[in-house]
Structures are given as C-alpha cells and as structure tokens.
Amino acid sequence: MGSRGPSVSPRPLSLSLCFVLALSAAYSCSPVTACGSAYQNAIEDFCLTKFRLDMEGLDRHHWCSWEDTVETYGDLTNCTYMIALKMDCFWPNRLVDEFFIDIHRHYFHNCALSGRLLQDPPNHILGPFIVVPILVTLLMTALVVWRSKRSEGIV
C-alpha cells in the first residue's frame, strides 16, 4: 500500500487558529475599551462644558438658527476630535455619535431641517381661513339649489 504523505493532526491546527483569532480580537477591541469612559469623561468635562456656556449665552430662540450656532457647534466638533487625537482614540466613534445625539436631543429637538420649526398660526388667525371657505361653499350650494328650484316652476 502506498504512503499518503506526512500525517498532520487537525487538532493543533485548530488550536493555533483559535489562538490567532482570539489574539486579534483582543487586540482590535483594546482601543475601544481604553477610550471608553476616559474619553467620555474628557469630552464631557472640556467640550460639553464650553458648549453649554456658549449655548446658554445665546437666546433660546436662536438655538435653531444655523448662522448663530455654527461656530459653537464647529468648536464642539473640533474639541471632540482633538481630545480623541490626544488620547489616541478613533474619531468618529460610538461615543462621539451618542454624545452628539444627546446634544441634539437637548438643544436642537425643536428645530426643523430648514432651521425654524414650522407651527400653526394662532387660532384667531387660522379660524377665519377655515370658516370662510366652508361658509362660502354652503352659501353657493344653497344658492344653486334655490335657483334650480325656482327655474323648475317656470315653464
């Protein structure tokens, strides 16, 4: 009977493959865990504090005006980037996304995409625009019915 070649056990190969996969997974996750709470605390202490002061100095009615908030918002973005750079963290990351979502929930939740939230006018202005067309429609319908009944009697 012929020789099949050198015999290789599948067990050491699978163990070494598992070791390499575990090592690469641990290495790829280490920057995320290292930047977690320390990075979050840093952006809240440095960036969020300044942003809050700047926004509180601005009248609430101007929070949705991009012209009034673009510089403050840009400073906030640059601050999160610079801290990530100094701490050797990836940017943008999950924490930055959550941070900006929280910022938008607190400061910009009433803003429309165009910059101003569109609202209905007060009832004393809106009411006549609703009631007048309804009354005109009813009046015209009554007039048509009245004219058609009147012309039926004349032959």
N, C-alpha and C. Protein backbone atom coordinates (compact mmCIF):
# COMPACT_ATOMS: atom_id res chain seq x y z
N MET A 1 0.84 -1.16 0.00
CA MET A 1 0.00 0.00 0.00
C MET A 1 0.89 1.23 0.00
N GLY A 2 0.41 2.30 -0.65
CA GLY A 2 1.22 3.50 -0.81
C GLY A 2 1.16 4.40 0.41
N SER A 3 2.13 5.25 0.49
CA SER A 3 2.21 6.22 1.58
C SER A 3 1.35 7.44 1.23
N ARG A 4 0.71 7.98 2.17
CA ARG A 4 -0.17 9.13 1.95
C ARG A 4 0.54 10.44 2.23
N GLY A 5 1.72 10.44 2.63
CA GLY A 5 2.45 11.65 2.96
C GLY A 5 2.47 11.85 4.47
N PRO A 6 3.02 12.95 4.89
CA PRO A 6 3.11 13.20 6.33
C PRO A 6 1.72 13.38 6.93
N SER A 7 1.54 12.84 8.06
CA SER A 7 0.26 12.92 8.76
C SER A 7 0.22 14.19 9.61
N VAL A 8 -0.81 15.02 9.37
CA VAL A 8 -0.97 16.25 10.14
C VAL A 8 -2.24 16.13 10.95
N SER A 9 -2.10 16.32 12.23
CA SER A 9 -3.26 16.22 13.11
C SER A 9 -4.08 17.51 13.00
N PRO A 10 -5.37 17.43 12.83
CA PRO A 10 -6.19 18.64 12.72
C PRO A 10 -6.30 19.40 14.05
N ARG A 11 -6.02 18.74 15.15
CA ARG A 11 -6.18 19.37 16.46
C ARG A 11 -5.21 20.54 16.68
N PRO A 12 -3.89 20.41 16.45
CA PRO A 12 -3.00 21.55 16.67
C PRO A 12 -3.32 22.71 15.72
N LEU A 13 -3.76 22.40 14.51
CA LEU A 13 -4.08 23.46 13.56
C LEU A 13 -5.29 24.27 14.04
N SER A 14 -6.30 23.59 14.53
CA SER A 14 -7.49 24.31 15.00
C SER A 14 -7.19 25.09 16.28
N LEU A 15 -6.34 24.57 17.14
CA LEU A 15 -5.96 25.31 18.35
C LEU A 15 -5.18 26.56 18.01
N SER A 16 -4.26 26.45 17.07
CA SER A 16 -3.48 27.64 16.70
C SER A 16 -4.35 28.67 16.00
N LEU A 17 -5.31 28.22 15.20
CA LEU A 17 -6.24 29.14 14.54
C LEU A 17 -7.10 29.87 15.57
N CYS A 18 -7.59 29.15 16.56
CA CYS A 18 -8.38 29.77 17.62
C CYS A 18 -7.55 30.78 18.41
N PHE A 19 -6.29 30.46 18.66
CA PHE A 19 -5.40 31.36 19.39
C PHE A 19 -5.18 32.65 18.61
N VAL A 20 -4.94 32.53 17.31
CA VAL A 20 -4.72 33.71 16.46
C VAL A 20 -5.99 34.57 16.41
N LEU A 21 -7.15 33.95 16.26
CA LEU A 21 -8.40 34.70 16.23
C LEU A 21 -8.67 35.41 17.55
N ALA A 22 -8.42 34.72 18.66
CA ALA A 22 -8.64 35.33 19.97
C ALA A 22 -7.68 36.49 20.20
N LEU A 23 -6.44 36.32 19.80
CA LEU A 23 -5.44 37.38 19.96
C LEU A 23 -5.80 38.60 19.11
N SER A 24 -6.21 38.38 17.87
CA SER A 24 -6.56 39.51 17.01
C SER A 24 -7.83 40.21 17.50
N ALA A 25 -8.78 39.46 18.03
CA ALA A 25 -10.00 40.07 18.57
C ALA A 25 -9.68 40.91 19.80
N ALA A 26 -8.82 40.41 20.66
CA ALA A 26 -8.44 41.17 21.86
C ALA A 26 -7.67 42.43 21.47
N TYR A 27 -6.81 42.34 20.48
CA TYR A 27 -6.03 43.50 20.05
C TYR A 27 -6.93 44.56 19.42
N SER A 28 -7.89 44.12 18.61
CA SER A 28 -8.76 45.10 17.94
C SER A 28 -9.74 45.74 18.90
N CYS A 29 -10.09 45.10 20.00
CA CYS A 29 -11.02 45.67 20.96
C CYS A 29 -10.34 46.57 21.99
N SER A 30 -9.04 46.47 22.14
CA SER A 30 -8.37 47.22 23.20
C SER A 30 -8.48 48.73 23.04
N PRO A 31 -8.38 49.33 21.84
CA PRO A 31 -8.53 50.78 21.77
C PRO A 31 -9.93 51.25 22.14
N VAL A 32 -10.93 50.42 21.85
CA VAL A 32 -12.30 50.81 22.16
C VAL A 32 -12.50 50.87 23.67
N THR A 33 -12.03 49.85 24.39
CA THR A 33 -12.22 49.84 25.83
C THR A 33 -11.32 50.87 26.51
N ALA A 34 -10.14 51.12 25.96
CA ALA A 34 -9.23 52.09 26.56
C ALA A 34 -9.78 53.50 26.41
N CYS A 35 -10.53 53.76 25.36
CA CYS A 35 -11.05 55.11 25.12
C CYS A 35 -12.46 55.29 25.66
N GLY A 36 -13.04 54.29 26.24
CA GLY A 36 -14.43 54.36 26.68
C GLY A 36 -14.72 55.45 27.68
N SER A 37 -14.60 55.15 28.95
CA SER A 37 -15.02 56.09 29.99
C SER A 37 -14.08 57.29 30.09
N ALA A 38 -12.79 57.09 29.88
CA ALA A 38 -11.85 58.21 29.96
C ALA A 38 -12.14 59.24 28.87
N TYR A 39 -12.38 58.77 27.68
CA TYR A 39 -12.69 59.68 26.57
C TYR A 39 -14.03 60.37 26.79
N GLN A 40 -15.01 59.61 27.25
CA GLN A 40 -16.33 60.18 27.50
C GLN A 40 -16.25 61.26 28.58
N ASN A 41 -15.52 61.00 29.65
CA ASN A 41 -15.36 62.00 30.71
C ASN A 41 -14.65 63.23 30.20
N ALA A 42 -13.64 63.04 29.37
CA ALA A 42 -12.87 64.18 28.84
C ALA A 42 -13.74 65.07 27.95
N ILE A 43 -14.52 64.47 27.05
CA ILE A 43 -15.33 65.31 26.17
C ILE A 43 -16.46 65.99 26.94
N GLU A 44 -16.95 65.34 27.99
CA GLU A 44 -17.99 65.99 28.79
C GLU A 44 -17.40 67.12 29.62
N ASP A 45 -16.21 66.90 30.20
CA ASP A 45 -15.60 67.93 31.04
C ASP A 45 -15.12 69.13 30.24
N PHE A 46 -14.49 68.90 29.11
CA PHE A 46 -13.90 70.00 28.35
C PHE A 46 -14.85 70.55 27.28
N CYS A 47 -15.35 69.66 26.44
CA CYS A 47 -16.14 70.11 25.28
C CYS A 47 -17.56 70.52 25.66
N LEU A 48 -18.23 69.65 26.41
CA LEU A 48 -19.63 69.91 26.74
C LEU A 48 -19.78 71.13 27.64
N THR A 49 -18.85 71.31 28.57
CA THR A 49 -18.92 72.46 29.47
C THR A 49 -18.85 73.77 28.69
N LYS A 50 -17.91 73.87 27.76
CA LYS A 50 -17.79 75.09 26.95
C LYS A 50 -19.01 75.26 26.06
N PHE A 51 -19.49 74.17 25.46
CA PHE A 51 -20.66 74.25 24.59
C PHE A 51 -21.88 74.73 25.36
N ARG A 52 -22.07 74.21 26.58
CA ARG A 52 -23.20 74.64 27.40
C ARG A 52 -23.13 76.13 27.70
N LEU A 53 -21.95 76.60 28.07
CA LEU A 53 -21.79 78.03 28.36
C LEU A 53 -22.11 78.88 27.13
N ASP A 54 -21.61 78.45 25.98
CA ASP A 54 -21.87 79.20 24.75
C ASP A 54 -23.35 79.20 24.39
N MET A 55 -24.01 78.07 24.55
CA MET A 55 -25.43 77.97 24.19
C MET A 55 -26.30 78.73 25.19
N GLU A 56 -25.93 78.70 26.47
CA GLU A 56 -26.70 79.44 27.46
C GLU A 56 -26.55 80.94 27.25
N GLY A 57 -25.42 81.36 26.70
CA GLY A 57 -25.21 82.77 26.38
C GLY A 57 -26.02 83.23 25.19
N LEU A 58 -26.51 82.28 24.42
CA LEU A 58 -27.32 82.58 23.24
C LEU A 58 -28.80 82.47 23.61
N ASP A 59 -29.60 83.37 23.12
CA ASP A 59 -31.04 83.33 23.39
C ASP A 59 -31.62 82.04 22.83
N ARG A 60 -32.52 81.40 23.58
CA ARG A 60 -33.12 80.12 23.16
C ARG A 60 -33.78 80.19 21.79
N HIS A 61 -34.29 81.34 21.44
CA HIS A 61 -34.95 81.49 20.14
C HIS A 61 -33.96 81.40 18.98
N HIS A 62 -32.67 81.55 19.28
CA HIS A 62 -31.65 81.49 18.24
C HIS A 62 -30.95 80.13 18.17
N TRP A 63 -31.36 79.19 19.02
CA TRP A 63 -30.73 77.87 19.01
C TRP A 63 -30.94 77.15 17.69
N CYS A 64 -32.03 77.40 17.01
CA CYS A 64 -32.30 76.73 15.73
C CYS A 64 -31.75 77.49 14.54
N SER A 65 -31.13 78.62 14.78
CA SER A 65 -30.55 79.40 13.70
C SER A 65 -29.12 78.91 13.45
N TRP A 66 -28.90 78.32 12.28
CA TRP A 66 -27.58 77.77 11.96
C TRP A 66 -26.52 78.87 11.95
N GLU A 67 -26.89 80.05 11.50
CA GLU A 67 -25.92 81.15 11.45
C GLU A 67 -25.43 81.51 12.84
N ASP A 68 -26.29 81.38 13.85
CA ASP A 68 -25.93 81.74 15.21
C ASP A 68 -25.19 80.62 15.95
N THR A 69 -25.38 79.37 15.54
CA THR A 69 -24.80 78.25 16.28
C THR A 69 -23.68 77.53 15.55
N VAL A 70 -23.41 77.88 14.30
CA VAL A 70 -22.42 77.13 13.51
C VAL A 70 -21.03 77.18 14.14
N GLU A 71 -20.64 78.32 14.66
CA GLU A 71 -19.30 78.44 15.24
C GLU A 71 -19.20 77.61 16.53
N THR A 72 -20.21 77.70 17.37
CA THR A 72 -20.22 76.93 18.62
C THR A 72 -20.24 75.44 18.33
N TYR A 73 -21.05 75.03 17.37
CA TYR A 73 -21.15 73.61 17.00
C TYR A 73 -19.84 73.12 16.39
N GLY A 74 -19.23 73.94 15.58
CA GLY A 74 -17.93 73.58 14.99
C GLY A 74 -16.86 73.44 16.05
N ASP A 75 -16.86 74.34 17.04
CA ASP A 75 -15.90 74.24 18.14
C ASP A 75 -16.10 72.95 18.93
N LEU A 76 -17.35 72.56 19.13
CA LEU A 76 -17.65 71.32 19.84
C LEU A 76 -17.13 70.12 19.05
N THR A 77 -17.36 70.11 17.76
CA THR A 77 -16.88 69.01 16.91
C THR A 77 -15.36 68.93 16.94
N ASN A 78 -14.70 70.07 16.79
CA ASN A 78 -13.23 70.10 16.81
C ASN A 78 -12.69 69.68 18.17
N CYS A 79 -13.37 70.04 19.23
CA CYS A 79 -12.94 69.66 20.57
C CYS A 79 -12.97 68.14 20.74
N THR A 80 -14.06 67.50 20.30
CA THR A 80 -14.13 66.04 20.43
C THR A 80 -13.05 65.37 19.58
N TYR A 81 -12.75 65.96 18.44
CA TYR A 81 -11.71 65.40 17.57
C TYR A 81 -10.33 65.55 18.21
N MET A 82 -10.03 66.73 18.75
CA MET A 82 -8.71 66.97 19.34
C MET A 82 -8.47 66.09 20.56
N ILE A 83 -9.48 65.89 21.37
CA ILE A 83 -9.33 65.01 22.53
C ILE A 83 -9.11 63.57 22.08
N ALA A 84 -9.83 63.14 21.05
CA ALA A 84 -9.62 61.79 20.52
C ALA A 84 -8.21 61.64 19.99
N LEU A 85 -7.71 62.67 19.34
CA LEU A 85 -6.35 62.65 18.81
C LEU A 85 -5.33 62.55 19.93
N LYS A 86 -5.50 63.34 20.98
CA LYS A 86 -4.56 63.34 22.11
C LYS A 86 -4.60 62.03 22.88
N MET A 87 -5.78 61.42 22.95
CA MET A 87 -5.92 60.17 23.70
C MET A 87 -5.69 58.94 22.83
N ASP A 88 -5.32 59.17 21.56
CA ASP A 88 -5.07 58.10 20.61
C ASP A 88 -6.30 57.20 20.43
N CYS A 89 -7.45 57.85 20.30
CA CYS A 89 -8.71 57.14 20.07
C CYS A 89 -9.15 57.36 18.63
N PHE A 90 -9.96 56.46 18.14
CA PHE A 90 -10.54 56.64 16.81
C PHE A 90 -11.57 57.76 16.87
N TRP A 91 -11.71 58.47 15.77
CA TRP A 91 -12.73 59.51 15.68
C TRP A 91 -13.28 59.51 14.27
N PRO A 92 -14.54 59.53 14.02
CA PRO A 92 -15.62 59.43 15.00
C PRO A 92 -15.78 58.01 15.50
N ASN A 93 -16.39 57.87 16.64
CA ASN A 93 -16.62 56.56 17.22
C ASN A 93 -18.01 56.53 17.83
N ARG A 94 -18.34 55.42 18.43
CA ARG A 94 -19.68 55.23 19.00
C ARG A 94 -19.97 56.26 20.09
N LEU A 95 -18.98 56.56 20.92
CA LEU A 95 -19.19 57.54 21.99
C LEU A 95 -19.47 58.94 21.44
N VAL A 96 -18.76 59.30 20.38
CA VAL A 96 -18.99 60.61 19.76
C VAL A 96 -20.40 60.66 19.16
N ASP A 97 -20.82 59.58 18.52
CA ASP A 97 -22.17 59.53 17.95
C ASP A 97 -23.22 59.71 19.05
N GLU A 98 -23.08 58.97 20.15
CA GLU A 98 -24.03 59.08 21.25
C GLU A 98 -23.98 60.47 21.88
N PHE A 99 -22.79 61.04 21.99
CA PHE A 99 -22.60 62.37 22.55
C PHE A 99 -23.37 63.41 21.73
N PHE A 100 -23.21 63.35 20.40
CA PHE A 100 -23.90 64.33 19.55
C PHE A 100 -25.41 64.08 19.48
N ILE A 101 -25.83 62.84 19.59
CA ILE A 101 -27.26 62.55 19.64
C ILE A 101 -27.86 63.18 20.90
N ASP A 102 -27.16 63.06 22.03
CA ASP A 102 -27.63 63.69 23.27
C ASP A 102 -27.66 65.21 23.14
N ILE A 103 -26.65 65.78 22.49
CA ILE A 103 -26.61 67.23 22.26
C ILE A 103 -27.84 67.66 21.44
N HIS A 104 -28.13 66.92 20.39
CA HIS A 104 -29.27 67.26 19.53
C HIS A 104 -30.60 67.09 20.27
N ARG A 105 -30.68 66.05 21.10
CA ARG A 105 -31.92 65.85 21.87
C ARG A 105 -32.17 67.02 22.82
N HIS A 106 -31.12 67.54 23.41
CA HIS A 106 -31.29 68.60 24.40
C HIS A 106 -31.43 69.98 23.77
N TYR A 107 -30.58 70.31 22.82
CA TYR A 107 -30.53 71.68 22.30
C TYR A 107 -31.30 71.89 20.99
N PHE A 108 -31.42 70.87 20.17
CA PHE A 108 -31.97 71.07 18.83
C PHE A 108 -33.21 70.23 18.55
N HIS A 109 -33.89 69.75 19.59
CA HIS A 109 -35.03 68.85 19.36
C HIS A 109 -36.23 69.57 18.75
N ASN A 110 -36.32 70.88 18.89
CA ASN A 110 -37.44 71.63 18.32
C ASN A 110 -37.11 72.25 16.97
N CYS A 111 -35.96 71.94 16.43
CA CYS A 111 -35.54 72.57 15.18
C CYS A 111 -35.98 71.74 13.99
N ALA A 112 -36.48 72.41 12.97
CA ALA A 112 -36.83 71.74 11.72
C ALA A 112 -35.58 71.67 10.85
N LEU A 113 -35.64 70.91 9.78
CA LEU A 113 -34.50 70.78 8.89
C LEU A 113 -34.13 72.11 8.24
N SER A 114 -35.11 72.97 8.05
CA SER A 114 -34.85 74.25 7.41
C SER A 114 -34.29 75.29 8.37
N GLY A 115 -34.25 74.98 9.66
CA GLY A 115 -33.70 75.91 10.63
C GLY A 115 -34.74 76.49 11.56
N ARG A 116 -35.99 76.55 11.15
CA ARG A 116 -37.06 77.04 12.02
C ARG A 116 -38.18 76.02 12.04
N LEU A 117 -38.69 75.78 13.22
CA LEU A 117 -39.79 74.84 13.36
C LEU A 117 -41.08 75.51 12.89
N LEU A 118 -41.72 74.92 11.91
CA LEU A 118 -42.97 75.47 11.40
C LEU A 118 -44.10 75.11 12.35
N GLN A 119 -44.89 76.11 12.71
CA GLN A 119 -46.01 75.89 13.62
C GLN A 119 -47.26 76.50 13.01
N ASP A 120 -48.41 75.99 13.46
CA ASP A 120 -49.67 76.57 13.02
C ASP A 120 -49.80 77.98 13.60
N PRO A 121 -50.44 78.87 12.86
CA PRO A 121 -50.68 80.21 13.41
C PRO A 121 -51.69 80.12 14.55
N PRO A 122 -51.83 81.17 15.32
CA PRO A 122 -52.83 81.16 16.41
C PRO A 122 -54.24 80.97 15.85
N ASN A 123 -55.12 80.49 16.71
CA ASN A 123 -56.49 80.16 16.28
C ASN A 123 -57.25 81.37 15.76
N HIS A 124 -57.01 82.57 16.32
CA HIS A 124 -57.75 83.74 15.85
C HIS A 124 -57.34 84.14 14.43
N ILE A 125 -56.21 83.67 13.97
CA ILE A 125 -55.80 83.91 12.57
C ILE A 125 -56.21 82.72 11.69
N LEU A 126 -56.01 81.52 12.20
CA LEU A 126 -56.30 80.32 11.44
C LEU A 126 -57.81 80.10 11.25
N GLY A 127 -58.60 80.44 12.26
CA GLY A 127 -60.05 80.22 12.23
C GLY A 127 -60.74 80.79 11.02
N PRO A 128 -60.56 82.08 10.71
CA PRO A 128 -61.24 82.63 9.53
C PRO A 128 -60.85 81.94 8.22
N PHE A 129 -59.60 81.49 8.12
CA PHE A 129 -59.18 80.80 6.89
C PHE A 129 -59.86 79.44 6.74
N ILE A 130 -60.36 78.91 7.81
CA ILE A 130 -61.09 77.64 7.75
C ILE A 130 -62.59 77.88 7.59
N VAL A 131 -63.12 78.81 8.38
CA VAL A 131 -64.57 79.03 8.41
C VAL A 131 -65.09 79.70 7.13
N VAL A 132 -64.40 80.69 6.62
CA VAL A 132 -64.89 81.43 5.44
C VAL A 132 -65.07 80.51 4.23
N PRO A 133 -64.12 79.67 3.84
CA PRO A 133 -64.37 78.78 2.69
C PRO A 133 -65.53 77.81 2.93
N ILE A 134 -65.70 77.36 4.16
CA ILE A 134 -66.83 76.46 4.45
C ILE A 134 -68.15 77.20 4.26
N LEU A 135 -68.22 78.41 4.79
CA LEU A 135 -69.46 79.20 4.64
C LEU A 135 -69.74 79.56 3.19
N VAL A 136 -68.72 79.91 2.43
CA VAL A 136 -68.90 80.23 1.01
C VAL A 136 -69.39 79.00 0.25
N THR A 137 -68.84 77.84 0.56
CA THR A 137 -69.28 76.60 -0.09
C THR A 137 -70.74 76.32 0.23
N LEU A 138 -71.13 76.45 1.49
CA LEU A 138 -72.53 76.22 1.87
C LEU A 138 -73.46 77.24 1.22
N LEU A 139 -73.05 78.49 1.19
CA LEU A 139 -73.86 79.55 0.58
C LEU A 139 -74.04 79.30 -0.92
N MET A 140 -72.98 78.94 -1.61
CA MET A 140 -73.07 78.68 -3.05
C MET A 140 -73.93 77.46 -3.33
N THR A 141 -73.83 76.43 -2.50
CA THR A 141 -74.67 75.24 -2.66
C THR A 141 -76.14 75.61 -2.47
N ALA A 142 -76.42 76.39 -1.43
CA ALA A 142 -77.81 76.81 -1.19
C ALA A 142 -78.32 77.67 -2.33
N LEU A 143 -77.49 78.55 -2.87
CA LEU A 143 -77.88 79.41 -3.99
C LEU A 143 -78.19 78.58 -5.24
N VAL A 144 -77.37 77.58 -5.53
CA VAL A 144 -77.61 76.72 -6.70
C VAL A 144 -78.91 75.94 -6.52
N VAL A 145 -79.13 75.39 -5.33
CA VAL A 145 -80.36 74.63 -5.08
C VAL A 145 -81.57 75.56 -5.20
N TRP A 146 -81.49 76.74 -4.63
CA TRP A 146 -82.59 77.70 -4.68
C TRP A 146 -82.90 78.10 -6.12
N ARG A 147 -81.85 78.38 -6.93
CA ARG A 147 -82.05 78.78 -8.32
C ARG A 147 -82.64 77.64 -9.14
N SER A 148 -82.20 76.42 -8.88
CA SER A 148 -82.72 75.29 -9.66
C SER A 148 -84.18 75.02 -9.32
N LYS A 149 -84.58 75.20 -8.08
CA LYS A 149 -85.99 75.01 -7.71
C LYS A 149 -86.85 76.13 -8.28
N ARG A 150 -86.35 77.31 -8.33
CA ARG A 150 -87.09 78.46 -8.83
C ARG A 150 -87.31 78.34 -10.34
N SER A 151 -86.29 77.85 -11.06
CA SER A 151 -86.43 77.73 -12.52
C SER A 151 -87.32 76.55 -12.91
N GLU A 152 -87.49 75.56 -12.03
CA GLU A 152 -88.36 74.43 -12.33
C GLU A 152 -89.83 74.86 -12.40
N GLY A 153 -90.19 75.84 -11.61
CA GLY A 153 -91.58 76.30 -11.59
C GLY A 153 -91.94 77.09 -12.84
N ILE A 154 -90.98 77.70 -13.52
CA ILE A 154 -91.23 78.49 -14.72
C ILE A 154 -91.13 77.56 -15.92
N VAL A 155 -92.22 77.46 -16.70
CA VAL A 155 -92.21 76.62 -17.89
C VAL A 155 -92.54 77.41 -19.10
